[in-house]
């Protein structure tokens, strides 16, 4: 009887299955890279490159047995390379700024917010594992959303995104009962809701309305 190699790969049914696997693991890879090295922008770029490398490799050789670890390993190497390049440029006196053009700035903001939403959504409704939510992913998404709002204080969408996260996550303690089953909104114990998060979320919604 042949034992399966830990590095064995499984054939998948076409590019669609590969894309689904990449989509499933992307938020976890981003969260792992940000936690490991503490930088969101290079982590986002590294994840995109890891996903591209995964697509090229997996459509030919099959999906690895542990695709998440594979993607984290590739993304980590790429992120380290990016950080080294940034450090060399910084030492040479280069300055890193947000895009100055309205179109470039808006496009960059939309891309970042899309990734943050995916990470937050995956954390709230975990697609794998025994838990219904992943606190680590949600915390990372909220932290990064706060950073984005500081960088873009006049962007209504940045304030709205953070507001949405805070308002949804404010109910986390009441979402499930003692048996782990989801509790409908109308049946939740509102004394368990996070009042501070709700107040901040409402303030941010009002701020977003004023900016539109």
N, C-alpha and C. Protein backbone atom coordinates (compact mmCIF):
# COMPACT_ATOMS: atom_id res chain seq x y z
N UNK A 1 0.85 -1.20 0.00
CA UNK A 1 0.00 0.00 0.00
C UNK A 1 0.88 1.25 0.00
N UNK A 2 0.64 2.17 -0.94
CA UNK A 2 1.46 3.38 -1.05
C UNK A 2 0.94 4.45 -0.11
N UNK A 3 1.85 5.05 0.65
CA UNK A 3 1.47 6.14 1.53
C UNK A 3 1.53 7.44 0.76
N UNK A 4 0.64 8.33 1.09
CA UNK A 4 0.57 9.62 0.42
C UNK A 4 1.65 10.54 0.94
N UNK A 5 2.40 11.14 0.02
CA UNK A 5 3.45 12.08 0.39
C UNK A 5 2.83 13.33 0.96
N UNK A 6 3.47 13.94 1.98
CA UNK A 6 2.94 15.20 2.52
C UNK A 6 2.97 16.31 1.50
N UNK A 7 3.76 16.12 0.41
CA UNK A 7 3.85 17.15 -0.62
C UNK A 7 3.04 16.76 -1.85
N UNK A 8 2.21 15.73 -1.71
CA UNK A 8 1.43 15.28 -2.85
C UNK A 8 0.46 16.35 -3.31
N UNK A 9 0.11 16.28 -4.59
CA UNK A 9 -0.83 17.23 -5.16
C UNK A 9 -2.05 16.49 -5.67
N UNK A 10 -3.16 17.19 -5.63
CA UNK A 10 -4.41 16.63 -6.10
C UNK A 10 -4.84 17.34 -7.37
N UNK A 11 -5.23 16.57 -8.37
CA UNK A 11 -5.75 17.16 -9.59
C UNK A 11 -7.10 17.82 -9.33
N UNK A 12 -7.35 18.92 -9.97
CA UNK A 12 -8.64 19.60 -9.83
C UNK A 12 -9.29 19.69 -11.19
N UNK A 13 -10.58 19.94 -11.19
CA UNK A 13 -11.34 19.99 -12.43
C UNK A 13 -11.29 21.38 -13.05
N UNK A 14 -10.16 21.74 -13.66
CA UNK A 14 -10.08 22.96 -14.43
C UNK A 14 -9.77 24.19 -13.61
N UNK A 15 -9.55 25.33 -14.32
CA UNK A 15 -9.19 26.60 -13.66
C UNK A 15 -10.21 27.08 -12.65
N UNK A 16 -11.50 26.78 -12.88
CA UNK A 16 -12.52 27.25 -11.95
C UNK A 16 -12.32 26.72 -10.55
N UNK A 17 -11.94 25.45 -10.43
CA UNK A 17 -11.71 24.85 -9.12
C UNK A 17 -10.47 25.46 -8.47
N UNK A 18 -9.46 25.75 -9.28
CA UNK A 18 -8.25 26.38 -8.75
C UNK A 18 -8.59 27.77 -8.23
N UNK A 19 -9.36 28.54 -8.98
CA UNK A 19 -9.75 29.88 -8.55
C UNK A 19 -10.55 29.84 -7.26
N UNK A 20 -11.42 28.85 -7.12
CA UNK A 20 -12.21 28.72 -5.90
C UNK A 20 -11.31 28.44 -4.70
N UNK A 21 -10.31 27.57 -4.89
CA UNK A 21 -9.39 27.26 -3.81
C UNK A 21 -8.58 28.50 -3.41
N UNK A 22 -8.13 29.25 -4.41
CA UNK A 22 -7.37 30.47 -4.13
C UNK A 22 -8.24 31.49 -3.40
N UNK A 23 -9.49 31.66 -3.83
CA UNK A 23 -10.38 32.61 -3.19
C UNK A 23 -10.63 32.23 -1.73
N UNK A 24 -10.75 30.93 -1.48
CA UNK A 24 -11.02 30.45 -0.13
C UNK A 24 -9.88 30.77 0.82
N UNK A 25 -8.64 30.64 0.34
CA UNK A 25 -7.50 30.77 1.23
C UNK A 25 -6.90 32.18 1.27
N UNK A 26 -7.26 33.04 0.32
CA UNK A 26 -6.65 34.37 0.24
C UNK A 26 -6.76 35.17 1.53
N UNK A 27 -7.94 35.27 2.19
CA UNK A 27 -8.01 36.05 3.43
C UNK A 27 -7.10 35.52 4.53
N UNK A 28 -7.00 34.19 4.62
CA UNK A 28 -6.14 33.60 5.64
C UNK A 28 -4.66 33.92 5.37
N UNK A 29 -4.29 33.89 4.09
CA UNK A 29 -2.91 34.19 3.73
C UNK A 29 -2.59 35.65 4.06
N UNK A 30 -3.50 36.56 3.71
CA UNK A 30 -3.28 37.97 4.01
C UNK A 30 -3.15 38.19 5.51
N UNK A 31 -4.06 37.61 6.29
CA UNK A 31 -3.99 37.78 7.74
C UNK A 31 -2.70 37.25 8.32
N UNK A 32 -2.24 36.10 7.81
CA UNK A 32 -1.00 35.51 8.32
C UNK A 32 0.20 36.40 8.02
N UNK A 33 0.25 36.96 6.82
CA UNK A 33 1.39 37.80 6.45
C UNK A 33 1.40 39.11 7.23
N UNK A 34 0.23 39.71 7.42
CA UNK A 34 0.18 40.97 8.18
C UNK A 34 0.58 40.72 9.63
N UNK A 35 0.09 39.62 10.20
CA UNK A 35 0.46 39.31 11.59
C UNK A 35 1.95 39.04 11.71
N UNK A 36 2.53 38.39 10.71
CA UNK A 36 3.93 38.02 10.79
C UNK A 36 4.86 39.21 10.66
N UNK A 37 4.53 40.15 9.77
CA UNK A 37 5.47 41.23 9.47
C UNK A 37 4.89 42.62 9.70
N UNK A 38 3.60 42.71 10.03
CA UNK A 38 3.05 43.97 10.49
C UNK A 38 2.89 45.07 9.47
N UNK A 39 2.83 44.73 8.19
CA UNK A 39 2.67 45.75 7.15
C UNK A 39 1.57 45.32 6.19
N UNK A 40 0.55 46.17 6.02
CA UNK A 40 -0.58 45.76 5.19
C UNK A 40 -0.30 45.87 3.70
N UNK A 41 0.23 47.02 3.25
CA UNK A 41 0.40 47.24 1.81
C UNK A 41 1.28 46.17 1.16
N UNK A 42 2.50 45.93 1.67
CA UNK A 42 3.31 44.87 1.05
C UNK A 42 2.69 43.49 1.21
N UNK A 43 1.93 43.28 2.28
CA UNK A 43 1.26 41.98 2.45
C UNK A 43 0.22 41.79 1.36
N UNK A 44 -0.53 42.85 1.05
CA UNK A 44 -1.54 42.76 -0.01
C UNK A 44 -0.88 42.44 -1.35
N UNK A 45 0.23 43.13 -1.66
CA UNK A 45 0.94 42.86 -2.91
C UNK A 45 1.49 41.44 -2.94
N UNK A 46 2.02 40.99 -1.80
CA UNK A 46 2.58 39.64 -1.74
C UNK A 46 1.51 38.58 -1.93
N UNK A 47 0.33 38.82 -1.36
CA UNK A 47 -0.78 37.87 -1.53
C UNK A 47 -1.17 37.77 -3.00
N UNK A 48 -1.26 38.92 -3.67
CA UNK A 48 -1.62 38.90 -5.09
C UNK A 48 -0.61 38.10 -5.90
N UNK A 49 0.67 38.25 -5.58
CA UNK A 49 1.69 37.50 -6.31
C UNK A 49 1.64 36.02 -5.97
N UNK A 50 1.36 35.70 -4.71
CA UNK A 50 1.23 34.30 -4.32
C UNK A 50 0.05 33.65 -5.03
N UNK A 51 -1.07 34.38 -5.15
CA UNK A 51 -2.23 33.84 -5.84
C UNK A 51 -1.94 33.63 -7.33
N UNK A 52 -1.23 34.55 -7.92
CA UNK A 52 -0.86 34.40 -9.34
C UNK A 52 0.05 33.20 -9.53
N UNK A 53 1.03 33.05 -8.62
CA UNK A 53 1.93 31.89 -8.70
C UNK A 53 1.16 30.59 -8.49
N UNK A 54 0.20 30.61 -7.55
CA UNK A 54 -0.60 29.42 -7.30
C UNK A 54 -1.43 29.04 -8.51
N UNK A 55 -2.02 30.02 -9.15
CA UNK A 55 -2.84 29.74 -10.33
C UNK A 55 -1.99 29.10 -11.43
N UNK A 56 -0.82 29.67 -11.68
CA UNK A 56 0.05 29.12 -12.73
C UNK A 56 0.49 27.70 -12.40
N UNK A 57 0.84 27.47 -11.15
CA UNK A 57 1.36 26.16 -10.75
C UNK A 57 0.25 25.11 -10.61
N UNK A 58 -0.84 25.49 -9.97
CA UNK A 58 -1.87 24.50 -9.64
C UNK A 58 -2.66 24.04 -10.85
N UNK A 59 -2.83 24.92 -11.84
CA UNK A 59 -3.56 24.51 -13.03
C UNK A 59 -2.77 23.49 -13.84
N UNK A 60 -1.47 23.45 -13.62
CA UNK A 60 -0.62 22.49 -14.34
C UNK A 60 -0.34 21.25 -13.49
N UNK A 61 0.09 21.46 -12.24
CA UNK A 61 0.54 20.37 -11.39
C UNK A 61 -0.50 19.87 -10.40
N UNK A 62 -1.61 20.58 -10.28
CA UNK A 62 -2.62 20.21 -9.29
C UNK A 62 -2.47 21.01 -8.01
N UNK A 63 -3.52 21.06 -7.22
CA UNK A 63 -3.52 21.80 -5.96
C UNK A 63 -2.73 21.02 -4.92
N UNK A 64 -1.80 21.67 -4.19
CA UNK A 64 -1.04 20.97 -3.16
C UNK A 64 -1.95 20.48 -2.04
N UNK A 65 -1.46 19.51 -1.29
CA UNK A 65 -2.28 18.94 -0.22
C UNK A 65 -2.65 19.98 0.83
N UNK A 66 -1.75 20.94 1.09
CA UNK A 66 -2.03 22.02 2.04
C UNK A 66 -1.87 23.35 1.30
N UNK A 67 -2.89 23.75 0.51
CA UNK A 67 -2.75 24.96 -0.31
C UNK A 67 -2.56 26.24 0.49
N UNK A 68 -3.13 26.29 1.71
CA UNK A 68 -2.98 27.50 2.51
C UNK A 68 -1.53 27.69 2.93
N UNK A 69 -0.90 26.63 3.42
CA UNK A 69 0.50 26.73 3.82
C UNK A 69 1.39 27.05 2.63
N UNK A 70 1.08 26.45 1.48
CA UNK A 70 1.84 26.73 0.26
C UNK A 70 1.76 28.21 -0.07
N UNK A 71 0.56 28.78 -0.03
CA UNK A 71 0.38 30.18 -0.38
C UNK A 71 1.04 31.11 0.63
N UNK A 72 0.95 30.78 1.92
CA UNK A 72 1.59 31.59 2.96
C UNK A 72 3.10 31.58 2.77
N UNK A 73 3.66 30.41 2.47
CA UNK A 73 5.11 30.30 2.29
C UNK A 73 5.58 31.14 1.10
N UNK A 74 4.88 31.05 -0.03
CA UNK A 74 5.24 31.83 -1.21
C UNK A 74 5.04 33.33 -0.95
N UNK A 75 3.91 33.67 -0.33
CA UNK A 75 3.64 35.07 -0.03
C UNK A 75 4.64 35.66 0.94
N UNK A 76 5.05 34.86 1.93
CA UNK A 76 6.02 35.35 2.92
C UNK A 76 7.34 35.69 2.25
N UNK A 77 7.80 34.79 1.36
CA UNK A 77 9.07 35.06 0.67
C UNK A 77 8.98 36.33 -0.16
N UNK A 78 7.84 36.50 -0.85
CA UNK A 78 7.69 37.69 -1.68
C UNK A 78 7.59 38.95 -0.83
N UNK A 79 6.91 38.86 0.31
CA UNK A 79 6.78 40.03 1.17
C UNK A 79 8.14 40.43 1.75
N UNK A 80 8.94 39.45 2.13
CA UNK A 80 10.28 39.75 2.63
C UNK A 80 11.09 40.48 1.55
N UNK A 81 10.97 40.02 0.31
CA UNK A 81 11.67 40.68 -0.79
C UNK A 81 11.19 42.12 -0.96
N UNK A 82 9.88 42.33 -0.86
CA UNK A 82 9.32 43.68 -1.00
C UNK A 82 9.80 44.60 0.12
N UNK A 83 9.82 44.09 1.35
CA UNK A 83 10.26 44.90 2.48
C UNK A 83 11.73 45.25 2.37
N UNK A 84 12.52 44.31 1.89
CA UNK A 84 13.94 44.60 1.69
C UNK A 84 14.13 45.69 0.64
N UNK A 85 13.34 45.61 -0.44
CA UNK A 85 13.43 46.63 -1.49
C UNK A 85 13.00 47.99 -0.95
N UNK A 86 11.93 48.01 -0.14
CA UNK A 86 11.50 49.27 0.46
C UNK A 86 12.57 49.86 1.37
N UNK A 87 13.22 49.01 2.13
CA UNK A 87 14.25 49.49 3.05
C UNK A 87 15.42 50.10 2.29
N UNK A 88 15.79 49.43 1.19
CA UNK A 88 16.90 49.97 0.40
C UNK A 88 16.55 51.33 -0.19
N UNK A 89 15.29 51.46 -0.66
CA UNK A 89 14.87 52.74 -1.21
C UNK A 89 14.81 53.81 -0.13
N UNK A 90 14.32 53.43 1.05
CA UNK A 90 14.24 54.40 2.15
C UNK A 90 15.62 54.87 2.56
N UNK A 91 16.56 53.94 2.59
CA UNK A 91 17.94 54.30 2.97
C UNK A 91 18.56 55.23 1.93
N UNK A 92 18.07 55.12 0.69
CA UNK A 92 18.59 55.99 -0.36
C UNK A 92 17.89 57.33 -0.40
N UNK A 93 16.91 57.52 0.51
CA UNK A 93 16.25 58.81 0.61
C UNK A 93 14.91 58.90 -0.10
N UNK A 94 14.42 57.76 -0.62
CA UNK A 94 13.13 57.79 -1.31
C UNK A 94 12.01 57.97 -0.30
N UNK A 95 10.90 58.57 -0.74
CA UNK A 95 9.75 58.80 0.11
C UNK A 95 8.57 58.01 -0.45
N UNK A 96 7.86 57.38 0.46
CA UNK A 96 6.69 56.61 0.06
C UNK A 96 5.43 57.40 0.41
N UNK A 97 4.60 57.65 -0.59
CA UNK A 97 3.38 58.41 -0.39
C UNK A 97 2.22 57.70 -1.08
N UNK A 98 1.01 58.10 -0.72
CA UNK A 98 -0.16 57.60 -1.42
C UNK A 98 -0.19 58.21 -2.81
N UNK A 99 -0.85 57.56 -3.77
CA UNK A 99 -0.97 58.14 -5.12
C UNK A 99 -1.55 59.54 -5.06
N UNK A 100 -0.98 60.45 -5.87
CA UNK A 100 -1.43 61.83 -5.81
C UNK A 100 -2.60 62.10 -6.74
N UNK A 101 -2.72 61.35 -7.82
CA UNK A 101 -3.82 61.54 -8.74
C UNK A 101 -5.12 61.00 -8.18
N UNK A 102 -6.22 61.74 -8.43
CA UNK A 102 -7.51 61.31 -7.90
C UNK A 102 -7.88 59.92 -8.39
N UNK A 103 -7.61 59.63 -9.67
CA UNK A 103 -7.98 58.33 -10.21
C UNK A 103 -7.15 57.21 -9.58
N UNK A 104 -5.83 57.42 -9.48
CA UNK A 104 -4.97 56.40 -8.88
C UNK A 104 -5.32 56.19 -7.41
N UNK A 105 -5.55 57.27 -6.72
CA UNK A 105 -5.87 57.19 -5.30
C UNK A 105 -7.18 56.43 -5.08
N UNK A 106 -8.18 56.74 -5.89
CA UNK A 106 -9.47 56.08 -5.75
C UNK A 106 -9.36 54.60 -6.07
N UNK A 107 -8.61 54.27 -7.12
CA UNK A 107 -8.46 52.87 -7.51
C UNK A 107 -7.75 52.08 -6.42
N UNK A 108 -6.72 52.67 -5.84
CA UNK A 108 -5.98 52.00 -4.77
C UNK A 108 -6.88 51.80 -3.56
N UNK A 109 -7.64 52.82 -3.20
CA UNK A 109 -8.52 52.72 -2.04
C UNK A 109 -9.56 51.63 -2.24
N UNK A 110 -10.13 51.56 -3.43
CA UNK A 110 -11.15 50.53 -3.71
C UNK A 110 -10.55 49.15 -3.58
N UNK A 111 -9.34 48.95 -4.13
CA UNK A 111 -8.70 47.64 -4.06
C UNK A 111 -8.43 47.22 -2.61
N UNK A 112 -7.94 48.17 -1.81
CA UNK A 112 -7.64 47.86 -0.41
C UNK A 112 -8.92 47.53 0.35
N UNK A 113 -9.96 48.34 0.14
CA UNK A 113 -11.22 48.10 0.86
C UNK A 113 -11.85 46.77 0.46
N UNK A 114 -11.68 46.38 -0.79
CA UNK A 114 -12.23 45.09 -1.22
C UNK A 114 -11.56 43.94 -0.47
N UNK A 115 -10.24 44.02 -0.33
CA UNK A 115 -9.52 42.98 0.39
C UNK A 115 -9.91 42.96 1.86
N UNK A 116 -10.02 44.14 2.46
CA UNK A 116 -10.40 44.21 3.87
C UNK A 116 -11.79 43.62 4.09
N UNK A 117 -12.70 43.90 3.19
CA UNK A 117 -14.04 43.33 3.32
C UNK A 117 -14.00 41.81 3.25
N UNK A 118 -13.20 41.26 2.33
CA UNK A 118 -13.09 39.81 2.21
C UNK A 118 -12.53 39.19 3.48
N UNK A 119 -11.50 39.82 4.05
CA UNK A 119 -10.90 39.31 5.28
C UNK A 119 -11.92 39.35 6.41
N UNK A 120 -12.62 40.48 6.54
CA UNK A 120 -13.61 40.61 7.61
C UNK A 120 -14.74 39.59 7.44
N UNK A 121 -15.22 39.45 6.21
CA UNK A 121 -16.32 38.53 5.95
C UNK A 121 -15.92 37.09 6.25
N UNK A 122 -14.70 36.74 5.87
CA UNK A 122 -14.22 35.38 6.17
C UNK A 122 -14.11 35.18 7.67
N UNK A 123 -13.68 36.21 8.40
CA UNK A 123 -13.57 36.09 9.84
C UNK A 123 -14.92 35.95 10.53
N UNK A 124 -15.93 36.67 10.00
CA UNK A 124 -17.26 36.60 10.62
C UNK A 124 -17.97 35.29 10.34
N UNK A 125 -17.77 34.75 9.16
CA UNK A 125 -18.42 33.49 8.77
C UNK A 125 -17.36 32.56 8.23
N UNK A 126 -16.57 31.98 9.13
CA UNK A 126 -15.44 31.15 8.73
C UNK A 126 -15.89 30.03 7.80
N UNK A 127 -15.17 29.88 6.68
CA UNK A 127 -15.53 28.86 5.71
C UNK A 127 -14.87 27.53 6.00
N UNK A 128 -13.97 27.50 6.98
CA UNK A 128 -13.30 26.26 7.35
C UNK A 128 -13.03 26.27 8.84
N UNK A 129 -13.03 25.09 9.46
CA UNK A 129 -12.78 25.00 10.89
C UNK A 129 -14.05 24.80 11.69
N UNK A 130 -13.88 24.57 12.98
CA UNK A 130 -15.02 24.27 13.84
C UNK A 130 -15.72 25.52 14.34
N UNK A 131 -15.05 26.66 14.35
CA UNK A 131 -15.63 27.88 14.88
C UNK A 131 -16.45 28.61 13.81
N UNK A 132 -17.51 29.28 14.24
CA UNK A 132 -18.34 30.05 13.32
C UNK A 132 -17.68 31.37 12.94
N UNK A 133 -16.69 31.80 13.70
CA UNK A 133 -16.00 33.05 13.39
C UNK A 133 -14.52 32.90 13.71
N UNK A 134 -13.71 33.76 13.07
CA UNK A 134 -12.27 33.80 13.31
C UNK A 134 -11.93 35.18 13.85
N UNK A 135 -11.75 35.25 15.18
CA UNK A 135 -11.50 36.53 15.83
C UNK A 135 -10.23 37.17 15.30
N UNK A 136 -9.21 36.36 14.99
CA UNK A 136 -7.94 36.92 14.52
C UNK A 136 -8.11 37.65 13.20
N UNK A 137 -8.89 37.07 12.29
CA UNK A 137 -9.09 37.72 11.00
C UNK A 137 -9.91 39.00 11.14
N UNK A 138 -10.95 38.94 11.96
CA UNK A 138 -11.78 40.14 12.17
C UNK A 138 -10.97 41.26 12.80
N UNK A 139 -10.18 40.93 13.81
CA UNK A 139 -9.37 41.94 14.49
C UNK A 139 -8.38 42.57 13.52
N UNK A 140 -7.79 41.76 12.64
CA UNK A 140 -6.83 42.29 11.67
C UNK A 140 -7.53 43.18 10.67
N UNK A 141 -8.73 42.78 10.22
CA UNK A 141 -9.47 43.59 9.26
C UNK A 141 -9.85 44.94 9.87
N UNK A 142 -10.32 44.94 11.11
CA UNK A 142 -10.71 46.19 11.76
C UNK A 142 -9.49 47.08 12.00
N UNK A 143 -8.40 46.48 12.43
CA UNK A 143 -7.18 47.27 12.65
C UNK A 143 -6.72 47.93 11.35
N UNK A 144 -6.73 47.16 10.27
CA UNK A 144 -6.28 47.69 8.99
C UNK A 144 -7.26 48.73 8.46
N UNK A 145 -8.57 48.54 8.71
CA UNK A 145 -9.56 49.53 8.29
C UNK A 145 -9.36 50.85 9.03
N UNK A 146 -8.98 50.77 10.29
CA UNK A 146 -8.67 52.00 11.05
C UNK A 146 -7.48 52.73 10.43
N UNK A 147 -6.45 51.96 10.06
CA UNK A 147 -5.27 52.55 9.42
C UNK A 147 -5.65 53.22 8.11
N UNK A 148 -6.53 52.56 7.34
CA UNK A 148 -6.95 53.12 6.06
C UNK A 148 -7.71 54.42 6.26
N UNK A 149 -8.57 54.47 7.26
CA UNK A 149 -9.34 55.69 7.51
C UNK A 149 -8.42 56.84 7.92
N UNK A 150 -7.39 56.54 8.70
CA UNK A 150 -6.43 57.58 9.08
C UNK A 150 -5.71 58.10 7.84
N UNK A 151 -5.38 57.17 6.92
CA UNK A 151 -4.67 57.58 5.70
C UNK A 151 -5.59 58.35 4.75
N UNK A 152 -6.89 58.03 4.78
CA UNK A 152 -7.86 58.67 3.88
C UNK A 152 -9.02 59.26 4.68
N UNK A 153 -8.76 60.30 5.46
CA UNK A 153 -9.80 60.84 6.36
C UNK A 153 -10.99 61.47 5.65
N UNK A 154 -10.84 61.83 4.38
CA UNK A 154 -11.92 62.47 3.66
C UNK A 154 -12.67 61.51 2.74
N UNK A 155 -12.36 60.22 2.82
CA UNK A 155 -13.03 59.22 1.99
C UNK A 155 -14.23 58.65 2.73
N UNK A 156 -15.42 58.88 2.19
CA UNK A 156 -16.63 58.38 2.84
C UNK A 156 -16.64 56.86 2.89
N UNK A 157 -16.14 56.21 1.84
CA UNK A 157 -16.18 54.75 1.80
C UNK A 157 -15.30 54.12 2.88
N UNK A 158 -14.18 54.77 3.19
CA UNK A 158 -13.30 54.24 4.24
C UNK A 158 -13.99 54.30 5.59
N UNK A 159 -14.68 55.42 5.86
CA UNK A 159 -15.42 55.54 7.12
C UNK A 159 -16.58 54.56 7.15
N UNK A 160 -17.26 54.40 6.02
CA UNK A 160 -18.39 53.49 5.96
C UNK A 160 -17.99 52.04 6.15
N UNK A 161 -16.84 51.67 5.59
CA UNK A 161 -16.37 50.29 5.75
C UNK A 161 -16.08 49.98 7.20
N UNK A 162 -15.37 50.86 7.88
CA UNK A 162 -15.06 50.64 9.28
C UNK A 162 -16.34 50.63 10.12
N UNK A 163 -17.29 51.50 9.79
CA UNK A 163 -18.57 51.51 10.51
C UNK A 163 -19.28 50.17 10.36
N UNK A 164 -19.33 49.64 9.16
CA UNK A 164 -19.98 48.37 8.92
C UNK A 164 -19.34 47.25 9.74
N UNK A 165 -18.01 47.23 9.77
CA UNK A 165 -17.31 46.21 10.54
C UNK A 165 -17.65 46.30 12.02
N UNK A 166 -17.59 47.51 12.55
CA UNK A 166 -17.83 47.69 13.99
C UNK A 166 -19.27 47.33 14.37
N UNK A 167 -20.22 47.74 13.55
CA UNK A 167 -21.62 47.47 13.88
C UNK A 167 -21.94 45.98 13.79
N UNK A 168 -21.40 45.30 12.80
CA UNK A 168 -21.65 43.86 12.68
C UNK A 168 -20.96 43.09 13.80
N UNK A 169 -19.72 43.45 14.09
CA UNK A 169 -18.95 42.70 15.08
C UNK A 169 -19.37 43.04 16.51
N UNK A 170 -20.08 44.15 16.69
CA UNK A 170 -20.52 44.53 18.03
C UNK A 170 -21.48 43.50 18.63
N UNK A 171 -22.09 42.68 17.79
CA UNK A 171 -23.05 41.69 18.27
C UNK A 171 -22.44 40.29 18.45
N UNK A 172 -21.12 40.20 18.37
CA UNK A 172 -20.48 38.88 18.36
C UNK A 172 -20.80 38.04 19.59
N UNK A 173 -20.88 38.67 20.77
CA UNK A 173 -21.10 37.91 22.00
C UNK A 173 -22.51 37.33 22.08
N UNK A 174 -23.42 37.92 21.30
CA UNK A 174 -24.82 37.46 21.35
C UNK A 174 -25.20 36.62 20.13
N UNK A 175 -24.26 36.41 19.22
CA UNK A 175 -24.59 35.72 17.97
C UNK A 175 -24.88 34.24 18.16
N UNK A 176 -24.26 33.62 19.17
CA UNK A 176 -24.46 32.19 19.38
C UNK A 176 -24.88 31.92 20.81
N UNK A 177 -25.64 30.84 21.00
CA UNK A 177 -26.05 30.44 22.33
C UNK A 177 -25.01 29.55 22.97
N UNK A 178 -25.34 29.02 24.14
CA UNK A 178 -24.40 28.16 24.87
C UNK A 178 -24.09 26.88 24.10
N UNK A 179 -25.02 26.48 23.22
CA UNK A 179 -24.82 25.27 22.43
C UNK A 179 -24.08 25.53 21.13
N UNK A 180 -23.66 26.79 20.91
CA UNK A 180 -22.92 27.13 19.70
C UNK A 180 -23.78 27.40 18.48
N UNK A 181 -25.09 27.33 18.63
CA UNK A 181 -26.01 27.56 17.52
C UNK A 181 -26.25 29.05 17.34
N UNK A 182 -26.32 29.49 16.08
CA UNK A 182 -26.58 30.91 15.80
C UNK A 182 -27.92 31.36 16.36
N UNK A 183 -27.93 32.56 16.95
CA UNK A 183 -29.15 33.13 17.51
C UNK A 183 -29.65 34.22 16.57
N UNK A 184 -30.91 34.17 16.11
CA UNK A 184 -31.44 35.22 15.23
C UNK A 184 -31.34 36.59 15.89
N UNK A 185 -31.21 37.61 15.06
CA UNK A 185 -31.03 38.98 15.56
C UNK A 185 -32.12 39.37 16.55
N UNK A 186 -33.37 39.06 16.22
CA UNK A 186 -34.48 39.49 17.07
C UNK A 186 -34.51 38.76 18.40
N UNK A 187 -33.78 37.65 18.51
CA UNK A 187 -33.76 36.87 19.75
C UNK A 187 -32.48 37.09 20.56
N UNK A 188 -31.58 37.92 20.08
CA UNK A 188 -30.30 38.11 20.76
C UNK A 188 -30.47 38.93 22.04
N UNK A 189 -29.61 38.64 23.01
CA UNK A 189 -29.57 39.39 24.26
C UNK A 189 -28.79 40.67 24.01
N UNK A 190 -29.49 41.78 23.90
CA UNK A 190 -28.84 43.04 23.54
C UNK A 190 -27.93 43.57 24.63
N UNK A 191 -28.05 43.05 25.85
CA UNK A 191 -27.14 43.48 26.90
C UNK A 191 -25.72 42.97 26.63
N UNK A 192 -25.59 42.01 25.72
CA UNK A 192 -24.28 41.46 25.38
C UNK A 192 -23.63 42.23 24.23
N UNK A 193 -24.36 43.12 23.60
CA UNK A 193 -23.80 43.87 22.49
C UNK A 193 -22.74 44.85 23.00
N UNK A 194 -21.76 45.13 22.16
CA UNK A 194 -20.68 46.06 22.49
C UNK A 194 -21.15 47.49 22.21
N UNK A 195 -21.53 48.20 23.27
CA UNK A 195 -22.11 49.54 23.12
C UNK A 195 -21.10 50.52 22.53
N UNK A 196 -19.86 50.44 22.96
CA UNK A 196 -18.85 51.38 22.45
C UNK A 196 -18.63 51.21 20.96
N UNK A 197 -18.60 49.95 20.51
CA UNK A 197 -18.43 49.70 19.08
C UNK A 197 -19.63 50.23 18.30
N UNK A 198 -20.83 50.07 18.86
CA UNK A 198 -22.04 50.56 18.19
C UNK A 198 -22.00 52.09 18.09
N UNK A 199 -21.61 52.75 19.16
CA UNK A 199 -21.56 54.21 19.14
C UNK A 199 -20.52 54.72 18.13
N UNK A 200 -19.37 54.05 18.10
CA UNK A 200 -18.35 54.45 17.13
C UNK A 200 -18.83 54.20 15.71
N UNK A 201 -19.49 53.06 15.51
CA UNK A 201 -20.01 52.75 14.18
C UNK A 201 -21.02 53.77 13.71
N UNK A 202 -21.92 54.18 14.61
CA UNK A 202 -22.92 55.19 14.25
C UNK A 202 -22.27 56.53 13.92
N UNK A 203 -21.27 56.90 14.72
CA UNK A 203 -20.56 58.15 14.46
C UNK A 203 -19.91 58.11 13.08
N UNK A 204 -19.30 56.98 12.73
CA UNK A 204 -18.63 56.85 11.45
C UNK A 204 -19.64 56.89 10.29
N UNK A 205 -20.82 56.32 10.50
CA UNK A 205 -21.85 56.39 9.47
C UNK A 205 -22.27 57.84 9.23
N UNK A 206 -22.43 58.58 10.30
CA UNK A 206 -22.79 60.00 10.16
C UNK A 206 -21.67 60.76 9.46
N UNK A 207 -20.44 60.42 9.82
CA UNK A 207 -19.28 61.06 9.17
C UNK A 207 -19.26 60.74 7.69
N UNK A 208 -19.53 59.48 7.34
CA UNK A 208 -19.54 59.08 5.93
C UNK A 208 -20.63 59.83 5.16
N UNK A 209 -21.79 60.00 5.78
CA UNK A 209 -22.88 60.74 5.12
C UNK A 209 -22.49 62.19 4.85
N UNK A 210 -21.78 62.78 5.79
CA UNK A 210 -21.36 64.19 5.60
C UNK A 210 -20.32 64.33 4.51
N UNK A 211 -19.54 63.28 4.27
CA UNK A 211 -18.46 63.32 3.28
C UNK A 211 -18.95 63.05 1.86
N UNK A 212 -20.14 62.50 1.74
CA UNK A 212 -20.64 62.14 0.40
C UNK A 212 -21.10 63.39 -0.36
